[in-house]
Amino acid sequence: MNLYLWVALGSAIGGALRYALGREMLPQHSASFPWSTVLINVIGSFVIGFFGTLTVSGSRFQVPESVRIFVMIGLCGGFTTFSSFSMQTYDLLRTGAWGKALLNMALSVLLCLGAVALGHVVAQQGSHAIAIAQTREEEYTG
């Protein structure tokens, strides 16, 4: 299957999961703070850190490039909600809720970085993988 189709399929599933989790499984957003967006971003960050490390080239659980692209770019990209985070943070700033906006930024960035690191460390147990990303499409470092 064309890699773009894997991304599209993963994005559709990730978006549907995000909608279901945010709407059906989590309590409605507080009127004053977007907790479900923070949680969804943390979950997605853990998944990309865990799966990326667990399946990187040279690990015990190597998978084809198409599977990594499906999960890391498609599924995680469709599931995580950075655009929602940005919009909600801007709305908090726009309405003068600077403290809540700063809290949202700090929690989202710190918890998501921590979740990627935790996913990486958990997946590294019993594995020789030291990386998460292995292709330019998965990670831009240049």
C-alpha atoms as a PDB file:
ATOM      1  CA  MET A   1       0.000   0.000   0.000  1.00  0.00           C
ATOM      2  CA  ASN A   2       1.205   3.513  -0.756  1.00  0.00           C
ATOM      3  CA  LEU A   3       2.767   5.162   2.322  1.00  0.00           C
ATOM      4  CA  TYR A   4       0.420   8.139   1.963  1.00  0.00           C
ATOM      5  CA  LEU A   5      -2.523   5.759   2.354  1.00  0.00           C
ATOM      6  CA  TRP A   6      -0.991   4.385   5.568  1.00  0.00           C
ATOM      7  CA  VAL A   7      -0.699   7.950   6.896  1.00  0.00           C
ATOM      8  CA  ALA A   8      -4.283   8.739   5.862  1.00  0.00           C
ATOM      9  CA  LEU A   9      -5.672   5.561   7.440  1.00  0.00           C
ATOM     10  CA  GLY A  10      -3.722   6.106  10.653  1.00  0.00           C
ATOM     11  CA  SER A  11      -4.804   9.758  10.795  1.00  0.00           C
ATOM     12  CA  ALA A  12      -8.448   8.808  10.379  1.00  0.00           C
ATOM     13  CA  ILE A  13      -8.251   6.228  13.152  1.00  0.00           C
ATOM     14  CA  GLY A  14      -6.261   8.566  15.417  1.00  0.00           C
ATOM     15  CA  GLY A  15      -8.747  11.384  14.867  1.00  0.00           C
ATOM     16  CA  ALA A  16     -11.689   9.098  15.631  1.00  0.00           C
ATOM     17  CA  LEU A  17      -9.957   7.867  18.802  1.00  0.00           C
ATOM     18  CA  ARG A  18      -9.246  11.439  19.877  1.00  0.00           C
ATOM     19  CA  TYR A  19     -12.875  12.399  19.327  1.00  0.00           C
ATOM     20  CA  ALA A  20     -14.149   9.339  21.224  1.00  0.00           C
ATOM     21  CA  LEU A  21     -11.774   9.826  24.141  1.00  0.00           C
ATOM     22  CA  GLY A  22     -12.367  13.559  24.384  1.00  0.00           C
ATOM     23  CA  ARG A  23     -16.121  13.388  24.011  1.00  0.00           C
ATOM     24  CA  GLU A  24     -17.250  10.055  25.386  1.00  0.00           C
ATOM     25  CA  MET A  25     -14.635   8.751  27.794  1.00  0.00           C
ATOM     26  CA  LEU A  26     -13.323  11.874  29.480  1.00  0.00           C
ATOM     27  CA  PRO A  27     -15.436  14.328  31.407  1.00  0.00           C
ATOM     28  CA  GLN A  28     -16.318  17.361  29.342  1.00  0.00           C
ATOM     29  CA  HIS A  29     -13.698  20.083  29.277  1.00  0.00           C
ATOM     30  CA  SER A  30     -13.923  22.307  32.205  1.00  0.00           C
ATOM     31  CA  ALA A  31     -15.254  25.611  30.987  1.00  0.00           C
ATOM     32  CA  SER A  32     -11.989  27.154  32.125  1.00  0.00           C
ATOM     33  CA  PHE A  33      -9.242  24.613  31.281  1.00  0.00           C
ATOM     34  CA  PRO A  34      -8.785  22.011  28.480  1.00  0.00           C
ATOM     35  CA  TRP A  35      -7.764  18.982  30.581  1.00  0.00           C
ATOM     36  CA  SER A  36      -8.762  16.385  27.974  1.00  0.00           C
ATOM     37  CA  THR A  37      -6.477  18.017  25.381  1.00  0.00           C
ATOM     38  CA  VAL A  38      -3.539  17.843  27.797  1.00  0.00           C
ATOM     39  CA  LEU A  39      -4.288  14.167  28.567  1.00  0.00           C
ATOM     40  CA  ILE A  40      -4.669  13.230  24.889  1.00  0.00           C
ATOM     41  CA  ASN A  41      -1.348  14.904  24.068  1.00  0.00           C
ATOM     42  CA  VAL A  42       0.379  13.058  26.927  1.00  0.00           C
ATOM     43  CA  ILE A  43      -1.042   9.687  25.806  1.00  0.00           C
ATOM     44  CA  GLY A  44      -0.007  10.330  22.196  1.00  0.00           C
ATOM     45  CA  SER A  45       3.458  11.397  23.323  1.00  0.00           C
ATOM     46  CA  PHE A  46       3.886   8.204  25.352  1.00  0.00           C
ATOM     47  CA  VAL A  47       2.727   6.052  22.437  1.00  0.00           C
ATOM     48  CA  ILE A  48       5.137   7.652  19.948  1.00  0.00           C
ATOM     49  CA  GLY A  49       8.041   7.340  22.419  1.00  0.00           C
ATOM     50  CA  PHE A  50       7.211   3.737  23.289  1.00  0.00           C
ATOM     51  CA  PHE A  51       6.373   2.458  19.811  1.00  0.00           C
ATOM     52  CA  GLY A  52       9.214   4.345  18.135  1.00  0.00           C
ATOM     53  CA  THR A  53      11.785   2.880  20.493  1.00  0.00           C
ATOM     54  CA  LEU A  54      10.269  -0.606  20.567  1.00  0.00           C
ATOM     55  CA  THR A  55      10.252  -0.963  16.777  1.00  0.00           C
ATOM     56  CA  VAL A  56      13.325   1.026  15.664  1.00  0.00           C
ATOM     57  CA  SER A  57      15.788  -0.683  13.333  1.00  0.00           C
ATOM     58  CA  GLY A  58      17.955  -3.112  15.310  1.00  0.00           C
ATOM     59  CA  SER A  59      15.390  -3.662  18.079  1.00  0.00           C
ATOM     60  CA  ARG A  60      13.736  -6.966  18.989  1.00  0.00           C
ATOM     61  CA  PHE A  61      10.422  -5.896  17.502  1.00  0.00           C
ATOM     62  CA  GLN A  62      11.361  -4.436  14.144  1.00  0.00           C
ATOM     63  CA  VAL A  63       8.377  -3.705  11.928  1.00  0.00           C
ATOM     64  CA  PRO A  64       8.164  -2.592   8.305  1.00  0.00           C
ATOM     65  CA  GLU A  65       8.483   1.116   7.546  1.00  0.00           C
ATOM     66  CA  SER A  66       4.800   1.222   6.587  1.00  0.00           C
ATOM     67  CA  VAL A  67       3.755   0.131  10.096  1.00  0.00           C
ATOM     68  CA  ARG A  68       5.952   2.746  11.769  1.00  0.00           C
ATOM     69  CA  ILE A  69       4.575   5.429   9.444  1.00  0.00           C
ATOM     70  CA  PHE A  70       1.009   4.245  10.107  1.00  0.00           C
ATOM     71  CA  VAL A  71       1.458   4.463  13.900  1.00  0.00           C
ATOM     72  CA  MET A  72       3.917   7.318  14.417  1.00  0.00           C
ATOM     73  CA  ILE A  73       2.879   9.731  11.673  1.00  0.00           C
ATOM     74  CA  GLY A  74      -0.711   8.686  10.965  1.00  0.00           C
ATOM     75  CA  LEU A  75      -2.211   7.385  14.201  1.00  0.00           C
ATOM     76  CA  CYS A  76      -0.259   9.609  16.613  1.00  0.00           C
ATOM     77  CA  GLY A  77      -0.532  12.594  14.271  1.00  0.00           C
ATOM     78  CA  GLY A  78      -4.300  12.197  14.020  1.00  0.00           C
ATOM     79  CA  PHE A  79      -4.681  11.464  17.731  1.00  0.00           C
ATOM     80  CA  THR A  80      -2.598  14.184  19.317  1.00  0.00           C
ATOM     81  CA  THR A  81      -4.126  17.574  19.405  1.00  0.00           C
ATOM     82  CA  PHE A  82      -1.455  20.209  19.033  1.00  0.00           C
ATOM     83  CA  SER A  83      -3.705  22.380  16.887  1.00  0.00           C
ATOM     84  CA  SER A  84      -6.408  22.192  19.561  1.00  0.00           C
ATOM     85  CA  PHE A  85      -3.808  22.957  22.218  1.00  0.00           C
ATOM     86  CA  SER A  86      -2.664  26.004  20.248  1.00  0.00           C
ATOM     87  CA  MET A  87      -6.189  27.285  19.672  1.00  0.00           C
ATOM     88  CA  GLN A  88      -7.236  26.783  23.293  1.00  0.00           C
ATOM     89  CA  THR A  89      -4.066  28.414  24.598  1.00  0.00           C
ATOM     90  CA  TYR A  90      -4.549  31.374  22.281  1.00  0.00           C
ATOM     91  CA  ASP A  91      -8.157  31.678  23.431  1.00  0.00           C
ATOM     92  CA  LEU A  92      -7.035  31.710  27.059  1.00  0.00           C
ATOM     93  CA  LEU A  93      -4.482  34.429  26.240  1.00  0.00           C
ATOM     94  CA  ARG A  94      -6.999  36.387  24.183  1.00  0.00           C
ATOM     95  CA  THR A  95      -9.483  36.429  27.039  1.00  0.00           C
ATOM     96  CA  GLY A  96      -6.864  37.506  29.569  1.00  0.00           C
ATOM     97  CA  ALA A  97      -6.475  34.167  31.356  1.00  0.00           C
ATOM     98  CA  TRP A  98      -2.679  34.394  31.230  1.00  0.00           C
ATOM     99  CA  GLY A  99      -2.116  32.131  34.220  1.00  0.00           C
ATOM    100  CA  LYS A 100      -4.230  29.338  32.761  1.00  0.00           C
ATOM    101  CA  ALA A 101      -2.579  29.783  29.358  1.00  0.00           C
ATOM    102  CA  LEU A 102       0.879  29.480  30.911  1.00  0.00           C
ATOM    103  CA  LEU A 103      -0.247  26.464  32.960  1.00  0.00           C
ATOM    104  CA  ASN A 104      -1.607  24.813  29.799  1.00  0.00           C
ATOM    105  CA  MET A 105       1.663  25.441  27.943  1.00  0.00           C
ATOM    106  CA  ALA A 106       3.840  24.231  30.818  1.00  0.00           C
ATOM    107  CA  LEU A 107       1.777  21.115  31.530  1.00  0.00           C
ATOM    108  CA  SER A 108       1.463  20.189  27.874  1.00  0.00           C
ATOM    109  CA  VAL A 109       5.128  20.648  27.021  1.00  0.00           C
ATOM    110  CA  LEU A 110       6.586  19.157  30.192  1.00  0.00           C
ATOM    111  CA  LEU A 111       4.164  16.231  30.496  1.00  0.00           C
ATOM    112  CA  CYS A 112       4.399  15.366  26.799  1.00  0.00           C
ATOM    113  CA  LEU A 113       8.209  15.486  26.791  1.00  0.00           C
ATOM    114  CA  GLY A 114       8.129  13.358  29.924  1.00  0.00           C
ATOM    115  CA  ALA A 115       5.703  10.924  28.282  1.00  0.00           C
ATOM    116  CA  VAL A 116       7.957  10.517  25.218  1.00  0.00           C
ATOM    117  CA  ALA A 117      10.927   9.902  27.524  1.00  0.00           C
ATOM    118  CA  LEU A 118       8.950   7.427  29.659  1.00  0.00           C
ATOM    119  CA  GLY A 119       7.717   5.567  26.574  1.00  0.00           C
ATOM    120  CA  HIS A 120      11.294   5.389  25.287  1.00  0.00           C
ATOM    121  CA  VAL A 121      12.685   4.125  28.619  1.00  0.00           C
ATOM    122  CA  VAL A 122       9.917   1.527  29.068  1.00  0.00           C
ATOM    123  CA  ALA A 123      10.386   0.215  25.523  1.00  0.00           C
ATOM    124  CA  GLN A 124      14.181   0.130  25.967  1.00  0.00           C
ATOM    125  CA  GLN A 125      13.940  -2.443  28.752  1.00  0.00           C
ATOM    126  CA  GLY A 126      15.374  -5.625  27.282  1.00  0.00           C
ATOM    127  CA  SER A 127      16.117  -3.929  23.979  1.00  0.00           C
ATOM    128  CA  HIS A 128      19.277  -2.540  22.490  1.00  0.00           C
ATOM    129  CA  ALA A 129      17.500   0.339  20.752  1.00  0.00           C
ATOM    130  CA  ILE A 130      18.816   3.765  21.634  1.00  0.00           C
ATOM    131  CA  ALA A 131      16.744   5.773  19.158  1.00  0.00           C
ATOM    132  CA  ILE A 132      13.082   6.502  18.633  1.00  0.00           C
ATOM    133  CA  ALA A 133      13.052   7.786  15.067  1.00  0.00           C
ATOM    134  CA  GLN A 134      14.924   6.145  12.236  1.00  0.00           C
ATOM    135  CA  THR A 135      13.848   8.022   9.130  1.00  0.00           C
ATOM    136  CA  ARG A 136      13.636  11.655   8.145  1.00  0.00           C
ATOM    137  CA  GLU A 137       9.827  11.365   7.922  1.00  0.00           C
ATOM    138  CA  GLU A 138       9.631  10.334  11.572  1.00  0.00           C
ATOM    139  CA  GLU A 139      11.975  12.958  12.941  1.00  0.00           C
ATOM    140  CA  TYR A 140      13.447  16.147  11.540  1.00  0.00           C
ATOM    141  CA  THR A 141      16.827  16.857  13.029  1.00  0.00           C
ATOM    142  CA  GLY A 142      18.491  18.983  10.380  1.00  0.00           C
END
